N, C-alpha and C. Protein backbone atom coordinates (compact mmCIF):
# COMPACT_ATOMS: atom_id res chain seq x y z
N MET A 1 31.70 -132.55 -4.55
CA MET A 1 33.03 -132.05 -4.24
C MET A 1 33.18 -130.60 -4.81
N PRO A 2 33.77 -129.85 -3.90
CA PRO A 2 33.87 -128.43 -4.30
C PRO A 2 34.87 -128.29 -5.39
N SER A 3 34.69 -127.24 -6.17
CA SER A 3 35.51 -126.97 -7.33
C SER A 3 36.90 -126.49 -6.84
N PRO A 4 37.94 -126.92 -7.41
CA PRO A 4 39.28 -126.51 -6.99
C PRO A 4 39.41 -124.97 -7.28
N CYS A 5 40.03 -124.19 -6.38
CA CYS A 5 40.39 -122.80 -6.55
C CYS A 5 41.76 -122.63 -7.21
N LYS A 6 41.83 -121.60 -7.93
CA LYS A 6 43.19 -121.33 -8.53
C LYS A 6 44.09 -120.89 -7.38
N ALA A 7 45.23 -121.51 -7.33
CA ALA A 7 46.20 -121.15 -6.31
C ALA A 7 46.84 -119.81 -6.68
N ARG A 8 47.07 -119.52 -7.96
CA ARG A 8 47.83 -118.41 -8.31
C ARG A 8 46.95 -117.42 -9.12
N ALA A 9 47.21 -116.14 -8.95
CA ALA A 9 46.46 -115.21 -9.71
C ALA A 9 47.27 -115.01 -11.01
N SER A 10 46.47 -114.65 -12.05
CA SER A 10 47.17 -114.38 -13.29
C SER A 10 47.98 -113.19 -13.24
N PHE A 11 48.91 -113.07 -14.29
CA PHE A 11 49.79 -111.94 -14.32
C PHE A 11 48.99 -110.62 -14.52
N SER A 12 48.03 -110.61 -15.38
CA SER A 12 47.19 -109.44 -15.72
C SER A 12 46.45 -108.92 -14.45
N GLN A 13 45.97 -109.80 -13.64
CA GLN A 13 45.27 -109.35 -12.43
C GLN A 13 46.23 -108.80 -11.42
N LEU A 14 47.41 -109.29 -11.30
CA LEU A 14 48.48 -108.76 -10.46
C LEU A 14 48.95 -107.36 -10.93
N PHE A 15 49.06 -107.18 -12.29
CA PHE A 15 49.55 -105.91 -12.82
C PHE A 15 48.54 -104.81 -12.61
N TRP A 16 47.27 -105.14 -12.95
CA TRP A 16 46.19 -104.16 -12.83
C TRP A 16 45.89 -103.74 -11.42
N SER A 17 46.01 -104.72 -10.48
CA SER A 17 45.78 -104.32 -8.98
C SER A 17 47.02 -103.46 -8.47
N PHE A 18 48.15 -103.76 -8.96
CA PHE A 18 49.30 -102.95 -8.54
C PHE A 18 49.27 -101.51 -9.25
N ALA A 19 48.80 -101.44 -10.49
CA ALA A 19 48.63 -100.15 -11.14
C ALA A 19 47.56 -99.32 -10.45
N CYS A 20 46.46 -99.91 -10.10
CA CYS A 20 45.32 -99.17 -9.46
C CYS A 20 45.74 -98.78 -8.02
N GLY A 21 46.53 -99.44 -7.34
CA GLY A 21 47.00 -99.14 -6.02
C GLY A 21 47.97 -97.97 -6.08
N GLY A 22 48.85 -98.03 -7.05
CA GLY A 22 49.82 -96.90 -7.25
C GLY A 22 49.18 -95.66 -7.68
N LEU A 23 48.21 -95.69 -8.56
CA LEU A 23 47.38 -94.60 -9.00
C LEU A 23 46.64 -93.99 -7.80
N PHE A 24 46.05 -94.82 -7.00
CA PHE A 24 45.37 -94.36 -5.77
C PHE A 24 46.35 -93.59 -4.78
N ALA A 25 47.54 -94.17 -4.65
CA ALA A 25 48.48 -93.52 -3.67
C ALA A 25 48.97 -92.20 -4.17
N ILE A 26 49.10 -92.13 -5.58
CA ILE A 26 49.50 -90.78 -6.12
C ILE A 26 48.43 -89.72 -5.90
N CYS A 27 47.15 -90.12 -6.19
CA CYS A 27 46.02 -89.22 -5.99
C CYS A 27 45.93 -88.74 -4.50
N VAL A 28 46.12 -89.66 -3.59
CA VAL A 28 46.04 -89.28 -2.20
C VAL A 28 47.17 -88.34 -1.80
N ALA A 29 48.41 -88.55 -2.31
CA ALA A 29 49.51 -87.69 -2.11
C ALA A 29 49.28 -86.30 -2.72
N ALA A 30 48.78 -86.25 -3.90
CA ALA A 30 48.47 -84.96 -4.54
C ALA A 30 47.43 -84.18 -3.79
N GLY A 31 46.46 -84.94 -3.27
CA GLY A 31 45.38 -84.25 -2.46
C GLY A 31 45.91 -83.64 -1.20
N VAL A 32 46.75 -84.46 -0.48
CA VAL A 32 47.31 -83.98 0.81
C VAL A 32 48.25 -82.75 0.51
N THR A 33 48.99 -82.84 -0.55
CA THR A 33 49.88 -81.71 -0.93
C THR A 33 49.11 -80.39 -1.18
N LEU A 34 48.03 -80.47 -1.91
CA LEU A 34 47.18 -79.38 -2.21
C LEU A 34 46.59 -78.88 -0.97
N TRP A 35 46.09 -79.73 -0.07
CA TRP A 35 45.47 -79.29 1.19
C TRP A 35 46.45 -78.57 2.04
N ILE A 36 47.68 -79.06 2.08
CA ILE A 36 48.69 -78.43 2.96
C ILE A 36 49.11 -77.07 2.43
N THR A 37 49.30 -76.91 1.14
CA THR A 37 49.76 -75.63 0.50
C THR A 37 48.61 -74.60 0.59
N ASN A 38 47.40 -74.99 0.63
CA ASN A 38 46.29 -73.98 0.66
C ASN A 38 45.85 -73.71 2.04
N ALA A 39 46.43 -74.41 3.06
CA ALA A 39 45.95 -74.20 4.44
C ALA A 39 46.48 -72.86 4.89
N PRO A 40 45.76 -72.12 5.70
CA PRO A 40 46.32 -70.82 6.18
C PRO A 40 47.30 -71.00 7.21
N ILE A 41 48.33 -70.18 7.23
CA ILE A 41 49.34 -70.24 8.22
C ILE A 41 48.97 -69.46 9.48
N PRO A 42 48.94 -70.02 10.63
CA PRO A 42 48.37 -69.30 11.88
C PRO A 42 49.34 -68.15 12.18
N PHE A 43 48.70 -67.13 12.71
CA PHE A 43 49.38 -65.94 13.25
C PHE A 43 50.08 -65.06 12.14
N VAL A 44 49.77 -65.40 10.91
CA VAL A 44 50.39 -64.56 9.75
C VAL A 44 49.24 -64.07 8.88
N ALA A 45 49.26 -62.82 8.70
CA ALA A 45 48.28 -62.18 7.75
C ALA A 45 48.91 -62.03 6.40
N LYS A 46 48.43 -62.72 5.43
CA LYS A 46 49.10 -62.73 4.13
C LYS A 46 48.91 -61.32 3.44
N ILE A 47 47.83 -60.70 3.61
CA ILE A 47 47.57 -59.35 3.07
C ILE A 47 47.51 -58.32 4.17
N GLN A 48 48.28 -57.32 3.98
CA GLN A 48 48.35 -56.25 5.00
C GLN A 48 47.18 -55.25 4.63
N THR A 49 46.35 -55.03 5.57
CA THR A 49 45.28 -54.10 5.37
C THR A 49 45.51 -52.81 6.17
N THR A 50 45.93 -51.78 5.42
CA THR A 50 46.17 -50.48 6.07
C THR A 50 45.21 -49.57 5.30
N ASN A 51 44.77 -48.67 6.08
CA ASN A 51 43.82 -47.65 5.53
C ASN A 51 44.55 -46.36 5.53
N VAL A 52 44.87 -45.78 4.33
CA VAL A 52 45.69 -44.60 4.19
C VAL A 52 44.97 -43.45 4.74
N LYS A 53 43.65 -43.42 4.61
CA LYS A 53 42.79 -42.27 5.11
C LYS A 53 42.92 -42.21 6.59
N SER A 54 42.89 -43.40 7.24
CA SER A 54 42.88 -43.48 8.70
C SER A 54 44.31 -42.89 9.18
N LEU A 55 45.36 -43.34 8.47
CA LEU A 55 46.70 -42.88 8.89
C LEU A 55 46.81 -41.44 8.83
N SER A 56 46.26 -40.78 7.74
CA SER A 56 46.35 -39.34 7.61
C SER A 56 45.53 -38.64 8.61
N GLU A 57 44.40 -39.22 9.07
CA GLU A 57 43.62 -38.64 10.09
C GLU A 57 44.33 -38.76 11.45
N VAL A 58 45.06 -39.76 11.73
CA VAL A 58 45.73 -39.92 12.95
C VAL A 58 46.92 -38.91 13.05
N LEU A 59 47.69 -38.75 11.93
CA LEU A 59 48.69 -37.83 11.91
C LEU A 59 48.32 -36.43 12.01
N ASP A 60 47.25 -36.06 11.33
CA ASP A 60 46.60 -34.69 11.41
C ASP A 60 47.68 -33.65 10.92
N GLY A 61 48.52 -34.07 9.93
CA GLY A 61 49.45 -33.06 9.47
C GLY A 61 50.67 -32.87 10.33
N LYS A 62 50.96 -33.71 11.41
CA LYS A 62 51.99 -33.58 12.30
C LYS A 62 53.15 -34.43 11.84
N ASN A 63 54.29 -34.01 12.18
CA ASN A 63 55.54 -34.69 11.95
C ASN A 63 55.84 -35.47 13.18
N LEU A 64 55.74 -36.76 13.15
CA LEU A 64 55.99 -37.56 14.40
C LEU A 64 57.50 -37.62 14.70
N ASP A 65 57.87 -37.34 15.85
CA ASP A 65 59.25 -37.48 16.26
C ASP A 65 59.35 -38.38 17.45
N PRO A 66 59.85 -39.57 17.36
CA PRO A 66 59.89 -40.48 18.53
C PRO A 66 60.75 -40.04 19.65
N ASN A 67 61.67 -39.16 19.38
CA ASN A 67 62.67 -38.71 20.37
C ASN A 67 62.18 -37.33 21.04
N ALA A 68 60.99 -36.95 20.80
CA ALA A 68 60.48 -35.64 21.27
C ALA A 68 60.60 -35.56 22.87
N LYS A 69 60.37 -36.59 23.56
CA LYS A 69 60.45 -36.60 25.03
C LYS A 69 61.76 -36.48 25.54
N LEU A 70 62.79 -36.84 24.63
CA LEU A 70 64.20 -36.70 25.08
C LEU A 70 64.76 -35.32 25.06
N TYR A 71 64.14 -34.43 24.28
CA TYR A 71 64.69 -33.06 24.24
C TYR A 71 64.30 -32.26 25.45
N ALA A 72 65.31 -31.65 25.95
CA ALA A 72 65.06 -30.78 27.16
C ALA A 72 65.12 -29.30 26.66
N GLU A 73 64.28 -28.46 27.26
CA GLU A 73 64.29 -27.07 26.84
C GLU A 73 65.54 -26.39 27.19
N GLY A 74 66.01 -25.47 26.34
CA GLY A 74 67.19 -24.64 26.63
C GLY A 74 68.46 -25.36 26.28
N GLN A 75 68.35 -26.52 25.61
CA GLN A 75 69.61 -27.18 25.07
C GLN A 75 69.65 -27.10 23.66
N GLY A 76 70.92 -27.07 23.19
CA GLY A 76 71.05 -27.15 21.69
C GLY A 76 71.14 -25.68 21.20
N VAL A 77 71.28 -25.63 19.82
CA VAL A 77 71.39 -24.36 19.22
C VAL A 77 70.06 -23.97 18.61
N ASP A 78 69.70 -22.77 18.80
CA ASP A 78 68.42 -22.35 18.18
C ASP A 78 68.70 -21.99 16.72
N GLN A 79 68.07 -22.74 15.81
CA GLN A 79 68.25 -22.59 14.40
C GLN A 79 67.65 -21.34 13.78
N THR A 80 66.66 -20.84 14.48
CA THR A 80 65.95 -19.66 13.96
C THR A 80 66.68 -18.38 14.04
N THR A 81 67.51 -18.24 15.10
CA THR A 81 68.26 -16.99 15.27
C THR A 81 69.54 -17.05 14.50
N GLY A 82 69.99 -15.93 13.89
CA GLY A 82 71.25 -15.97 13.11
C GLY A 82 72.40 -15.93 14.02
N SER A 83 73.22 -16.81 13.88
CA SER A 83 74.49 -16.85 14.69
C SER A 83 75.64 -16.87 13.80
N SER A 84 76.63 -16.15 14.01
CA SER A 84 77.83 -16.08 13.16
C SER A 84 78.89 -17.00 13.71
N VAL A 85 79.52 -17.58 12.72
CA VAL A 85 80.65 -18.46 13.08
C VAL A 85 81.92 -17.68 12.84
N ILE A 86 82.75 -17.69 13.87
CA ILE A 86 84.05 -16.96 13.75
C ILE A 86 85.11 -18.03 13.53
N PRO A 87 85.76 -17.94 12.28
CA PRO A 87 86.83 -18.93 12.05
C PRO A 87 88.05 -18.66 12.89
N VAL A 88 88.67 -19.67 13.41
CA VAL A 88 89.85 -19.52 14.20
C VAL A 88 91.02 -20.11 13.37
N THR A 89 92.09 -19.23 13.21
CA THR A 89 93.25 -19.71 12.49
C THR A 89 94.44 -19.76 13.47
N ALA A 90 95.16 -20.72 13.33
CA ALA A 90 96.34 -20.92 14.18
C ALA A 90 97.61 -20.75 13.34
N GLU A 91 98.59 -20.05 13.88
CA GLU A 91 99.80 -19.89 13.10
C GLU A 91 100.83 -20.92 13.61
N VAL A 92 101.42 -21.55 12.68
CA VAL A 92 102.44 -22.59 13.05
C VAL A 92 103.79 -22.03 12.65
N LYS A 93 104.65 -21.84 13.68
CA LYS A 93 105.96 -21.39 13.50
C LYS A 93 106.92 -22.51 13.52
N SER A 94 107.69 -22.69 12.51
CA SER A 94 108.70 -23.81 12.58
C SER A 94 110.08 -23.22 12.79
N ALA A 95 110.86 -23.94 13.57
CA ALA A 95 112.16 -23.44 13.79
C ALA A 95 113.07 -23.62 12.53
N GLU A 96 113.67 -22.54 12.10
CA GLU A 96 114.44 -22.65 10.87
C GLU A 96 115.67 -23.49 11.12
N GLY A 97 116.02 -24.30 10.20
CA GLY A 97 117.20 -25.15 10.30
C GLY A 97 116.91 -26.43 11.00
N ALA A 98 115.79 -26.58 11.59
CA ALA A 98 115.45 -27.91 12.25
C ALA A 98 115.20 -28.96 11.31
N ALA A 99 115.88 -30.02 11.46
CA ALA A 99 115.66 -31.20 10.57
C ALA A 99 114.45 -31.96 10.89
N LEU A 100 113.69 -32.29 9.90
CA LEU A 100 112.52 -33.09 10.12
C LEU A 100 112.87 -34.56 10.29
N PRO A 101 112.39 -35.34 11.16
CA PRO A 101 112.78 -36.70 11.24
C PRO A 101 112.30 -37.46 10.03
N THR A 102 113.10 -38.41 9.58
CA THR A 102 112.69 -39.24 8.47
C THR A 102 112.00 -40.48 8.96
N ILE A 103 110.89 -40.79 8.26
CA ILE A 103 110.08 -41.90 8.64
C ILE A 103 110.23 -42.96 7.57
N ASP A 104 110.51 -44.19 7.95
CA ASP A 104 110.56 -45.19 7.01
C ASP A 104 109.17 -45.61 6.45
N THR A 105 108.94 -45.29 5.27
CA THR A 105 107.57 -45.62 4.73
C THR A 105 107.47 -46.85 3.97
N ASP A 106 108.49 -47.71 4.00
CA ASP A 106 108.38 -48.99 3.39
C ASP A 106 107.48 -49.92 4.15
N ARG A 107 106.72 -50.64 3.42
CA ARG A 107 105.88 -51.68 4.03
C ARG A 107 106.37 -52.99 3.56
N ILE A 108 106.43 -53.92 4.49
CA ILE A 108 107.01 -55.26 4.23
C ILE A 108 105.83 -56.25 4.04
N TRP A 109 105.84 -56.93 2.97
CA TRP A 109 104.76 -57.89 2.60
C TRP A 109 105.48 -59.21 2.33
N VAL A 110 104.84 -60.29 2.45
CA VAL A 110 105.30 -61.60 1.95
C VAL A 110 104.39 -61.99 0.84
N GLN A 111 105.01 -62.18 -0.33
CA GLN A 111 104.29 -62.65 -1.48
C GLN A 111 104.39 -64.15 -1.60
N ALA A 112 103.16 -64.80 -1.70
CA ALA A 112 103.13 -66.22 -1.74
C ALA A 112 102.95 -66.75 -3.23
N GLY A 113 102.66 -65.80 -4.13
CA GLY A 113 102.58 -66.23 -5.47
C GLY A 113 102.01 -65.17 -6.41
N ALA A 114 102.21 -65.34 -7.67
CA ALA A 114 101.67 -64.49 -8.64
C ALA A 114 100.99 -65.41 -9.75
N PHE A 115 99.79 -65.21 -10.13
CA PHE A 115 99.04 -66.09 -11.02
C PHE A 115 98.36 -65.34 -12.12
N SER A 116 98.22 -65.98 -13.24
CA SER A 116 97.53 -65.43 -14.35
C SER A 116 96.06 -65.68 -14.30
N GLN A 117 95.57 -66.59 -13.45
CA GLN A 117 94.18 -66.89 -13.32
C GLN A 117 93.75 -66.52 -11.95
N SER A 118 92.56 -65.87 -11.77
CA SER A 118 92.11 -65.44 -10.45
C SER A 118 91.77 -66.65 -9.65
N ASP A 119 91.28 -67.79 -10.26
CA ASP A 119 90.88 -69.03 -9.53
C ASP A 119 92.16 -69.58 -8.84
N ASP A 120 93.25 -69.60 -9.50
CA ASP A 120 94.46 -70.12 -8.92
C ASP A 120 94.90 -69.23 -7.74
N ALA A 121 94.77 -67.90 -7.86
CA ALA A 121 95.16 -66.97 -6.68
C ALA A 121 94.26 -67.22 -5.48
N GLU A 122 92.90 -67.42 -5.82
CA GLU A 122 91.94 -67.62 -4.72
C GLU A 122 92.21 -68.98 -4.02
N ALA A 123 92.66 -70.00 -4.79
CA ALA A 123 92.96 -71.26 -4.19
C ALA A 123 94.18 -71.19 -3.31
N MET A 124 95.24 -70.39 -3.68
CA MET A 124 96.37 -70.16 -2.87
C MET A 124 95.98 -69.41 -1.64
N ARG A 125 95.12 -68.45 -1.76
CA ARG A 125 94.70 -67.65 -0.59
C ARG A 125 93.90 -68.56 0.39
N ALA A 126 93.08 -69.52 -0.18
CA ALA A 126 92.43 -70.45 0.65
C ALA A 126 93.42 -71.37 1.41
N ARG A 127 94.45 -71.84 0.71
CA ARG A 127 95.47 -72.69 1.41
C ARG A 127 96.06 -71.89 2.57
N ILE A 128 96.35 -70.61 2.33
CA ILE A 128 96.95 -69.80 3.44
C ILE A 128 95.95 -69.57 4.54
N ALA A 129 94.77 -69.42 4.19
CA ALA A 129 93.69 -69.14 5.25
C ALA A 129 93.61 -70.45 6.13
N PHE A 130 93.75 -71.64 5.57
CA PHE A 130 93.76 -72.83 6.37
C PHE A 130 94.89 -72.86 7.37
N MET A 131 95.98 -72.15 7.08
CA MET A 131 97.07 -72.05 7.94
C MET A 131 96.83 -71.11 9.14
N GLY A 132 95.74 -70.28 8.95
CA GLY A 132 95.47 -69.23 9.98
C GLY A 132 95.98 -67.93 9.70
N LEU A 133 96.37 -67.69 8.45
CA LEU A 133 96.92 -66.36 8.04
C LEU A 133 95.96 -65.72 7.09
N ASP A 134 96.00 -64.39 7.09
CA ASP A 134 95.10 -63.62 6.28
C ASP A 134 95.97 -63.09 5.06
N ALA A 135 95.54 -63.60 3.97
CA ALA A 135 96.24 -63.21 2.62
C ALA A 135 95.18 -62.31 1.81
N GLN A 136 95.80 -61.53 0.98
CA GLN A 136 95.08 -60.64 0.13
C GLN A 136 95.39 -60.89 -1.30
N VAL A 137 94.42 -60.88 -2.19
CA VAL A 137 94.67 -61.02 -3.55
C VAL A 137 94.48 -59.59 -4.26
N SER A 138 95.63 -59.30 -4.90
CA SER A 138 95.51 -57.95 -5.63
C SER A 138 96.00 -58.22 -7.10
N TYR A 139 95.54 -57.28 -8.06
CA TYR A 139 95.90 -57.62 -9.36
C TYR A 139 96.55 -56.37 -9.95
N LYS A 140 97.33 -56.65 -11.03
CA LYS A 140 98.01 -55.52 -11.72
C LYS A 140 98.13 -55.95 -13.13
N ASN A 141 98.00 -55.00 -14.07
CA ASN A 141 98.08 -55.23 -15.48
C ASN A 141 99.58 -55.03 -15.87
N GLU A 142 100.26 -56.10 -16.37
CA GLU A 142 101.59 -55.95 -16.79
C GLU A 142 101.75 -56.46 -18.21
N ASN A 143 102.20 -55.75 -19.09
CA ASN A 143 102.35 -56.16 -20.54
C ASN A 143 101.03 -56.61 -21.10
N GLY A 144 100.01 -55.95 -20.79
CA GLY A 144 98.66 -56.27 -21.34
C GLY A 144 98.03 -57.58 -20.77
N GLN A 145 98.68 -58.09 -19.73
CA GLN A 145 98.11 -59.35 -19.13
C GLN A 145 97.83 -58.99 -17.58
N ARG A 146 96.76 -59.46 -17.07
CA ARG A 146 96.42 -59.27 -15.66
C ARG A 146 97.09 -60.30 -14.81
N LEU A 147 97.82 -59.84 -13.74
CA LEU A 147 98.53 -60.75 -12.88
C LEU A 147 97.94 -60.55 -11.48
N TYR A 148 97.58 -61.76 -10.89
CA TYR A 148 97.02 -61.77 -9.64
C TYR A 148 98.07 -62.19 -8.52
N ARG A 149 98.28 -61.34 -7.62
CA ARG A 149 99.28 -61.61 -6.57
C ARG A 149 98.68 -61.88 -5.21
N VAL A 150 99.25 -62.86 -4.56
CA VAL A 150 98.71 -63.27 -3.22
C VAL A 150 99.78 -62.82 -2.21
N ARG A 151 99.41 -61.86 -1.38
CA ARG A 151 100.35 -61.29 -0.43
C ARG A 151 99.79 -61.37 1.01
N ILE A 152 100.66 -61.46 1.95
CA ILE A 152 100.32 -61.48 3.35
C ILE A 152 101.07 -60.34 4.02
N GLY A 153 100.39 -59.53 4.90
CA GLY A 153 101.02 -58.44 5.51
C GLY A 153 100.15 -57.32 5.63
N PRO A 154 100.62 -56.13 5.88
CA PRO A 154 102.01 -55.64 6.00
C PRO A 154 102.63 -56.00 7.36
N PHE A 155 103.95 -56.03 7.45
CA PHE A 155 104.61 -56.38 8.68
C PHE A 155 105.48 -55.24 9.14
N GLU A 156 105.77 -55.21 10.40
CA GLU A 156 106.62 -54.02 10.91
C GLU A 156 108.02 -54.25 10.78
N SER A 157 108.50 -55.58 10.72
CA SER A 157 109.92 -55.90 10.66
C SER A 157 110.22 -57.12 9.83
N ASN A 158 111.45 -57.23 9.37
CA ASN A 158 111.79 -58.39 8.62
C ASN A 158 111.70 -59.69 9.39
N ALA A 159 111.88 -59.61 10.69
CA ALA A 159 111.86 -60.76 11.50
C ALA A 159 110.38 -61.42 11.42
N GLN A 160 109.35 -60.57 11.47
CA GLN A 160 108.01 -61.01 11.39
C GLN A 160 107.75 -61.72 10.02
N ALA A 161 108.31 -61.01 8.97
CA ALA A 161 108.07 -61.51 7.67
C ALA A 161 108.79 -62.89 7.40
N GLU A 162 110.01 -63.02 7.99
CA GLU A 162 110.82 -64.31 7.96
C GLU A 162 110.02 -65.46 8.66
N GLU A 163 109.36 -65.14 9.72
CA GLU A 163 108.50 -66.13 10.42
C GLU A 163 107.39 -66.58 9.56
N ILE A 164 106.74 -65.77 8.84
CA ILE A 164 105.67 -66.12 7.92
C ILE A 164 106.21 -66.88 6.74
N ILE A 165 107.36 -66.56 6.24
CA ILE A 165 107.96 -67.31 5.12
C ILE A 165 108.34 -68.74 5.61
N GLN A 166 108.79 -68.87 6.90
CA GLN A 166 109.03 -70.20 7.45
C GLN A 166 107.81 -71.04 7.60
N SER A 167 106.71 -70.44 8.12
CA SER A 167 105.42 -71.21 8.22
C SER A 167 104.95 -71.58 6.82
N LEU A 168 105.13 -70.69 5.78
CA LEU A 168 104.75 -71.03 4.50
C LEU A 168 105.53 -72.23 3.92
N ALA A 169 106.86 -72.20 4.25
CA ALA A 169 107.74 -73.23 3.73
C ALA A 169 107.42 -74.60 4.48
N ASP A 170 106.90 -74.54 5.62
CA ASP A 170 106.56 -75.77 6.35
C ASP A 170 105.33 -76.43 5.73
N ASN A 171 104.47 -75.49 4.96
CA ASN A 171 103.36 -76.09 4.25
C ASN A 171 103.55 -76.17 2.76
N ALA A 172 104.79 -76.20 2.31
CA ALA A 172 105.21 -76.36 0.87
C ALA A 172 104.61 -75.21 0.08
N ILE A 173 104.76 -74.04 0.60
CA ILE A 173 104.41 -72.87 -0.14
C ILE A 173 105.63 -71.86 -0.10
N GLN A 174 106.07 -71.49 -1.32
CA GLN A 174 107.28 -70.64 -1.47
C GLN A 174 106.87 -69.17 -1.31
N GLY A 175 107.62 -68.47 -0.42
CA GLY A 175 107.22 -67.06 -0.25
C GLY A 175 108.39 -66.12 -0.42
N ALA A 176 108.19 -64.85 -0.68
CA ALA A 176 109.31 -63.92 -0.86
C ALA A 176 108.91 -62.63 -0.24
N ILE A 177 109.97 -61.94 0.38
CA ILE A 177 109.65 -60.68 0.92
C ILE A 177 109.61 -59.57 -0.09
N VAL A 178 108.63 -58.71 -0.02
CA VAL A 178 108.41 -57.65 -1.01
C VAL A 178 108.34 -56.39 -0.17
N ARG A 179 109.19 -55.34 -0.52
CA ARG A 179 109.01 -53.95 0.08
C ARG A 179 108.38 -53.07 -0.84
N LEU A 180 107.29 -52.45 -0.31
CA LEU A 180 106.50 -51.45 -1.08
C LEU A 180 106.55 -50.09 -0.45
N LYS A 181 106.76 -49.10 -1.31
CA LYS A 181 106.83 -47.68 -0.87
C LYS A 181 105.43 -47.22 -0.74
N ASN A 182 105.18 -46.33 0.24
CA ASN A 182 103.85 -45.72 0.39
C ASN A 182 103.73 -44.40 -0.41
């Protein structure tokens, strides 16, 4: 009668076969990685080979101008001949007693907030950008502390600024109209 076979392999046999298989897989993966990284890339020369001596022989002391064919003879100013420039001065006569028109130099801005941290100001600017408006962050030193202001504008009229304030209010952002002199 034949001898009975063991139905189960021992734990040590299972462990060592698994360890050898894992080690073999790691070695194969490392070999493939090394082979791929050392393989030459087609159509790319890794080292440029230029011969400086051959370039100087080709140029032969000439200054290459790629636009030389575009120049037509007889055009332009001849730089070799001395030409004098005659300054032209115009006299401006103003009517005495004429009143100059006054121009409103105020610029209208909508200020959405003033923050002590630049991150807070940038976060507010991002919220406004999600609304489709372009806001600017400016800073000013007041009482030794830097203040970051988020403003939208400039606008031509108060009506435009009021529309922006309303759209800010619809998105839970409080805005105020600011007039700045130029």
